[in-house]
Amino acid sequence: MFKRSHFLIAAVFVAGAALLPMAWAADAKPAAAAAATATASPVLIAAAPASAASAVGAAGPAPLLAAAPATSASSPVAATLDGRIQDVKSDVIKLNRDLLVLEEELLFPANTQVALFVSMDVGKMFELDSVQIKLDDKMVSSYLYTPNEVSALHRGGVQRIYLGNLRTGEHELVAFFTGKGPHDRDYKRGATVKFEKGSDPKYIELRIKDSMGKLQPEFDVKVWQ
């Protein structure tokens, strides 16, 4: 009896041992599948962003987004550079003007300076061609006018035709005007004035006017005090 019981127990143990590996093997499949699934899922998740990034890169939005800040940043820089260039140009113009004034003050001091100007009032009866100026029987200036310069004089412009030095004392100025007079005839007239040069600058205006009573041009010399 004892031997038979031991035989049954041994048979059950052997059968259980044979079934146990099968159970473990049956459980191992799902575990391996789960492990494989768990291992494969991260790979797929990681690969999806990579493929999406490559697709976006191929489409081109990424370079445009990167270029936009550079363009917007360059605009203020260009505007600032243009402003600085304009400021430099303005400073150069002011410097040239100051240098010109300083040069005139050094070359033509106030105590010896004399300046001659040409102006035109209406001037419909005379088409100015040229002006010649003598100071104390010495030719100091001769100027030939263009149509644009004559038009500027008609519109009220004033031309400085001469700037020089004169000693203190009495002097004589003679101006000759050449052009076309009434009926398109050649016209040449002269104007003479004597003036006293003191220690202050002397300004003299040569004026071309129309005489409606005489229907001819008039040439006048005015000494500014």
Protein backbone atom coordinates (compact mmCIF):
# COMPACT_ATOMS: atom_id res chain seq x y z
CA MET A 1 0.00 0.00 0.00
CA PHE A 2 2.77 2.34 0.96
CA LYS A 3 4.63 1.62 -2.24
CA ARG A 4 1.52 2.20 -4.33
CA SER A 5 0.94 5.57 -2.62
CA HIS A 6 4.49 6.61 -3.29
CA PHE A 7 4.05 5.59 -6.90
CA LEU A 8 0.93 7.76 -7.26
CA ILE A 9 2.63 10.74 -5.61
CA ALA A 10 5.62 10.32 -7.87
CA ALA A 11 3.36 10.07 -10.89
CA VAL A 12 1.50 13.23 -9.88
CA PHE A 13 4.80 15.05 -9.28
CA VAL A 14 6.14 13.97 -12.65
CA ALA A 15 2.95 15.04 -14.35
CA GLY A 16 3.01 18.36 -12.54
CA ALA A 17 6.60 18.90 -13.47
CA ALA A 18 5.74 18.20 -17.07
CA LEU A 19 2.81 20.63 -17.04
CA LEU A 20 4.67 23.38 -15.19
CA PRO A 21 7.11 24.24 -18.00
CA MET A 22 4.19 24.30 -20.41
CA ALA A 23 2.44 26.82 -18.15
CA TRP A 24 5.56 28.93 -17.91
CA ALA A 25 6.01 28.69 -21.63
CA ALA A 26 2.39 29.65 -22.18
CA ASP A 27 2.82 32.65 -19.89
CA ALA A 28 6.11 33.60 -21.51
CA LYS A 29 4.51 34.26 -24.87
CA PRO A 30 2.28 37.07 -23.68
CA ALA A 31 5.12 38.43 -21.61
CA ALA A 32 7.44 38.40 -24.59
CA ALA A 33 4.75 39.94 -26.76
CA ALA A 34 4.14 42.59 -24.16
CA ALA A 35 7.85 43.22 -23.89
CA ALA A 36 8.13 43.41 -27.64
CA THR A 37 5.16 45.76 -27.79
CA ALA A 38 6.60 47.87 -25.02
CA THR A 39 9.93 47.94 -26.80
CA ALA A 40 8.45 48.68 -30.21
CA SER A 41 6.12 51.46 -29.10
CA PRO A 42 8.83 53.88 -28.03
CA VAL A 43 10.60 53.29 -31.31
CA LEU A 44 7.49 54.16 -33.27
CA ILE A 45 6.75 57.19 -31.09
CA ALA A 46 10.30 58.41 -31.44
CA ALA A 47 10.28 57.82 -35.18
CA ALA A 48 7.07 59.75 -35.74
CA PRO A 49 8.46 63.15 -34.67
CA ALA A 50 11.59 62.50 -36.71
CA SER A 51 9.60 61.82 -39.85
CA ALA A 52 7.34 64.82 -39.15
CA ALA A 53 10.33 67.08 -38.69
CA SER A 54 11.84 65.87 -41.94
CA ALA A 55 8.54 66.43 -43.72
CA VAL A 56 8.29 70.00 -42.36
CA GLY A 57 11.87 70.64 -43.29
CA ALA A 58 11.24 69.43 -46.82
CA ALA A 59 8.14 71.62 -47.11
CA GLY A 60 10.17 74.70 -46.26
CA PRO A 61 8.39 76.53 -43.39
CA ALA A 62 11.36 76.12 -41.08
CA PRO A 63 13.77 78.23 -43.20
CA LEU A 64 11.12 80.95 -43.60
CA LEU A 65 10.56 81.11 -39.86
CA ALA A 66 14.30 81.37 -39.32
CA ALA A 67 14.72 84.11 -41.95
CA ALA A 68 11.88 86.32 -40.67
CA PRO A 69 13.66 87.56 -37.51
CA ALA A 70 16.80 88.37 -39.53
CA THR A 71 14.82 90.53 -41.98
CA SER A 72 12.91 92.33 -39.26
CA ALA A 73 16.13 92.94 -37.37
CA SER A 74 17.93 94.36 -40.41
CA SER A 75 15.28 97.02 -41.09
CA PRO A 76 16.01 99.13 -37.97
CA VAL A 77 19.74 98.82 -38.68
CA ALA A 78 19.28 100.10 -42.24
CA ALA A 79 17.06 102.94 -41.03
CA THR A 80 19.63 103.92 -38.41
CA LEU A 81 22.43 103.84 -41.00
CA ASP A 82 20.46 106.09 -43.38
CA GLY A 83 19.84 108.54 -40.56
CA ARG A 84 23.51 108.66 -39.68
CA ILE A 85 24.44 109.25 -43.34
CA GLN A 86 21.98 112.17 -43.55
CA ASP A 87 23.39 113.63 -40.33
CA VAL A 88 26.93 113.41 -41.71
CA LYS A 89 25.86 115.13 -44.96
CA SER A 90 24.19 117.92 -42.98
CA ASP A 91 27.31 118.38 -40.85
CA VAL A 92 29.50 118.54 -43.98
CA ILE A 93 27.26 121.22 -45.53
CA LYS A 94 27.37 123.29 -42.34
CA LEU A 95 31.15 122.87 -42.13
CA ASN A 96 31.62 124.00 -45.75
CA ARG A 97 29.45 127.05 -45.13
CA ASP A 98 31.39 127.97 -41.98
CA LEU A 99 34.68 127.51 -43.83
CA LEU A 100 33.47 129.76 -46.66
CA VAL A 101 32.47 132.48 -44.22
CA LEU A 102 35.80 132.18 -42.42
CA GLU A 103 37.70 132.33 -45.71
CA GLU A 104 35.86 135.48 -46.76
CA GLU A 105 36.54 137.10 -43.38
CA LEU A 106 40.24 136.30 -43.67
CA LEU A 107 40.64 137.27 -47.34
CA PHE A 108 38.30 140.26 -47.26
CA PRO A 109 38.40 141.99 -43.87
CA ALA A 110 35.54 144.33 -43.01
CA ASN A 111 37.69 147.45 -43.16
CA THR A 112 38.61 146.84 -46.84
CA GLN A 113 35.72 144.70 -48.12
CA VAL A 114 33.54 145.77 -51.05
CA ALA A 115 30.77 143.62 -52.59
CA LEU A 116 28.83 144.26 -55.82
CA PHE A 117 25.39 142.77 -56.58
CA VAL A 118 23.17 142.61 -59.69
CA SER A 119 19.36 142.66 -59.51
CA MET A 120 16.54 143.11 -62.02
CA ASP A 121 13.18 144.82 -61.54
CA VAL A 122 10.70 143.51 -64.14
CA GLY A 123 13.25 143.75 -66.98
CA LYS A 124 10.72 143.14 -69.77
CA MET A 125 12.33 145.80 -71.95
CA PHE A 126 15.81 144.38 -71.69
CA GLU A 127 17.21 140.88 -72.16
CA LEU A 128 20.44 140.78 -70.17
CA ASP A 129 23.41 139.17 -71.89
CA SER A 130 26.52 140.27 -69.94
CA VAL A 131 27.84 142.70 -67.32
CA GLN A 132 31.32 144.25 -67.07
CA ILE A 133 32.54 146.17 -64.03
CA LYS A 134 35.43 148.57 -63.57
CA LEU A 135 36.73 149.92 -60.30
CA ASP A 136 39.04 152.90 -60.57
CA ASP A 137 39.54 152.23 -64.32
CA LYS A 138 40.45 148.61 -63.64
CA MET A 139 38.34 145.71 -64.94
CA VAL A 140 37.44 143.61 -61.91
CA SER A 141 34.57 141.43 -63.19
CA SER A 142 32.96 140.26 -66.44
CA TYR A 143 30.03 137.85 -66.46
CA LEU A 144 28.06 136.18 -69.27
CA TYR A 145 24.52 135.09 -68.29
CA THR A 146 22.58 131.98 -69.26
CA PRO A 147 18.79 132.04 -69.87
CA ASN A 148 18.22 130.26 -66.56
CA GLU A 149 20.23 132.87 -64.66
CA VAL A 150 18.31 135.70 -66.34
CA SER A 151 15.06 133.96 -65.42
CA ALA A 152 16.22 133.74 -61.80
CA LEU A 153 16.92 137.48 -61.77
CA HIS A 154 13.43 138.12 -63.18
CA ARG A 155 11.97 136.11 -60.28
CA GLY A 156 13.68 138.37 -57.73
CA GLY A 157 17.09 136.73 -57.43
CA VAL A 158 20.19 138.74 -56.56
CA GLN A 159 23.66 137.82 -57.82
CA ARG A 160 26.89 138.71 -56.07
CA ILE A 161 29.07 139.47 -59.06
CA TYR A 162 32.17 140.73 -57.25
CA LEU A 163 33.83 140.58 -53.82
CA GLY A 164 37.14 142.33 -53.24
CA ASN A 165 39.20 144.74 -51.19
CA LEU A 166 39.43 148.52 -51.44
CA ARG A 167 41.49 150.91 -49.45
CA THR A 168 39.86 153.68 -47.50
CA GLY A 169 39.05 156.76 -49.59
CA GLU A 170 37.10 157.80 -52.69
CA HIS A 171 36.53 155.38 -55.57
CA GLU A 172 34.68 155.26 -58.91
CA LEU A 173 32.58 152.38 -60.19
CA VAL A 174 31.59 151.94 -63.86
CA ALA A 175 29.23 149.11 -64.97
CA PHE A 176 28.42 148.16 -68.58
CA PHE A 177 25.24 146.20 -69.42
CA THR A 178 24.94 144.40 -72.77
CA GLY A 179 21.86 142.67 -74.18
CA LYS A 180 18.74 143.09 -76.32
CA GLY A 181 16.64 146.20 -75.96
CA PRO A 182 13.26 147.22 -77.38
CA HIS A 183 12.42 145.84 -80.86
CA ASP A 184 15.11 143.18 -80.38
CA ARG A 185 17.94 145.65 -80.96
CA ASP A 186 21.42 145.27 -79.50
CA TYR A 187 21.64 147.41 -76.43
CA LYS A 188 24.62 148.57 -74.37
CA ARG A 189 24.41 151.01 -71.54
CA GLY A 190 26.72 152.15 -68.78
CA ALA A 191 26.22 153.43 -65.24
CA THR A 192 28.75 155.34 -63.12
CA VAL A 193 28.88 156.14 -59.42
CA LYS A 194 31.47 157.59 -57.06
CA PHE A 195 31.50 156.48 -53.44
CA GLU A 196 33.53 156.82 -50.28
CA LYS A 197 35.04 153.72 -48.68
CA GLY A 198 35.35 153.89 -44.92
CA SER A 199 36.31 151.34 -42.28
CA ASP A 200 33.04 149.39 -42.72
CA PRO A 201 32.20 146.94 -45.53
CA LYS A 202 30.72 148.57 -48.64
CA TYR A 203 27.76 147.00 -50.52
CA ILE A 204 26.74 148.28 -53.96
CA GLU A 205 23.71 147.12 -55.99
CA LEU A 206 23.53 147.35 -59.79
CA ARG A 207 19.83 147.49 -60.69
CA ILE A 208 18.16 146.97 -64.07
CA LYS A 209 14.72 148.58 -64.28
CA ASP A 210 12.05 149.33 -66.89
CA SER A 211 11.10 152.95 -67.58
CA MET A 212 7.46 152.87 -68.66
CA GLY A 213 7.54 156.59 -69.50
CA LYS A 214 10.54 156.28 -71.82
CA LEU A 215 9.71 152.71 -72.91
CA GLN A 216 13.32 151.69 -72.43
CA PRO A 217 15.45 150.06 -69.75
CA GLU A 218 17.22 152.00 -67.04
CA PHE A 219 20.39 151.09 -65.18
CA ASP A 220 20.87 152.34 -61.66
CA VAL A 221 23.63 151.97 -59.06
CA LYS A 222 22.70 152.08 -55.40
CA VAL A 223 25.26 152.29 -52.60
CA TRP A 224 24.01 150.70 -49.39
CA GLN A 225 25.00 152.48 -46.20
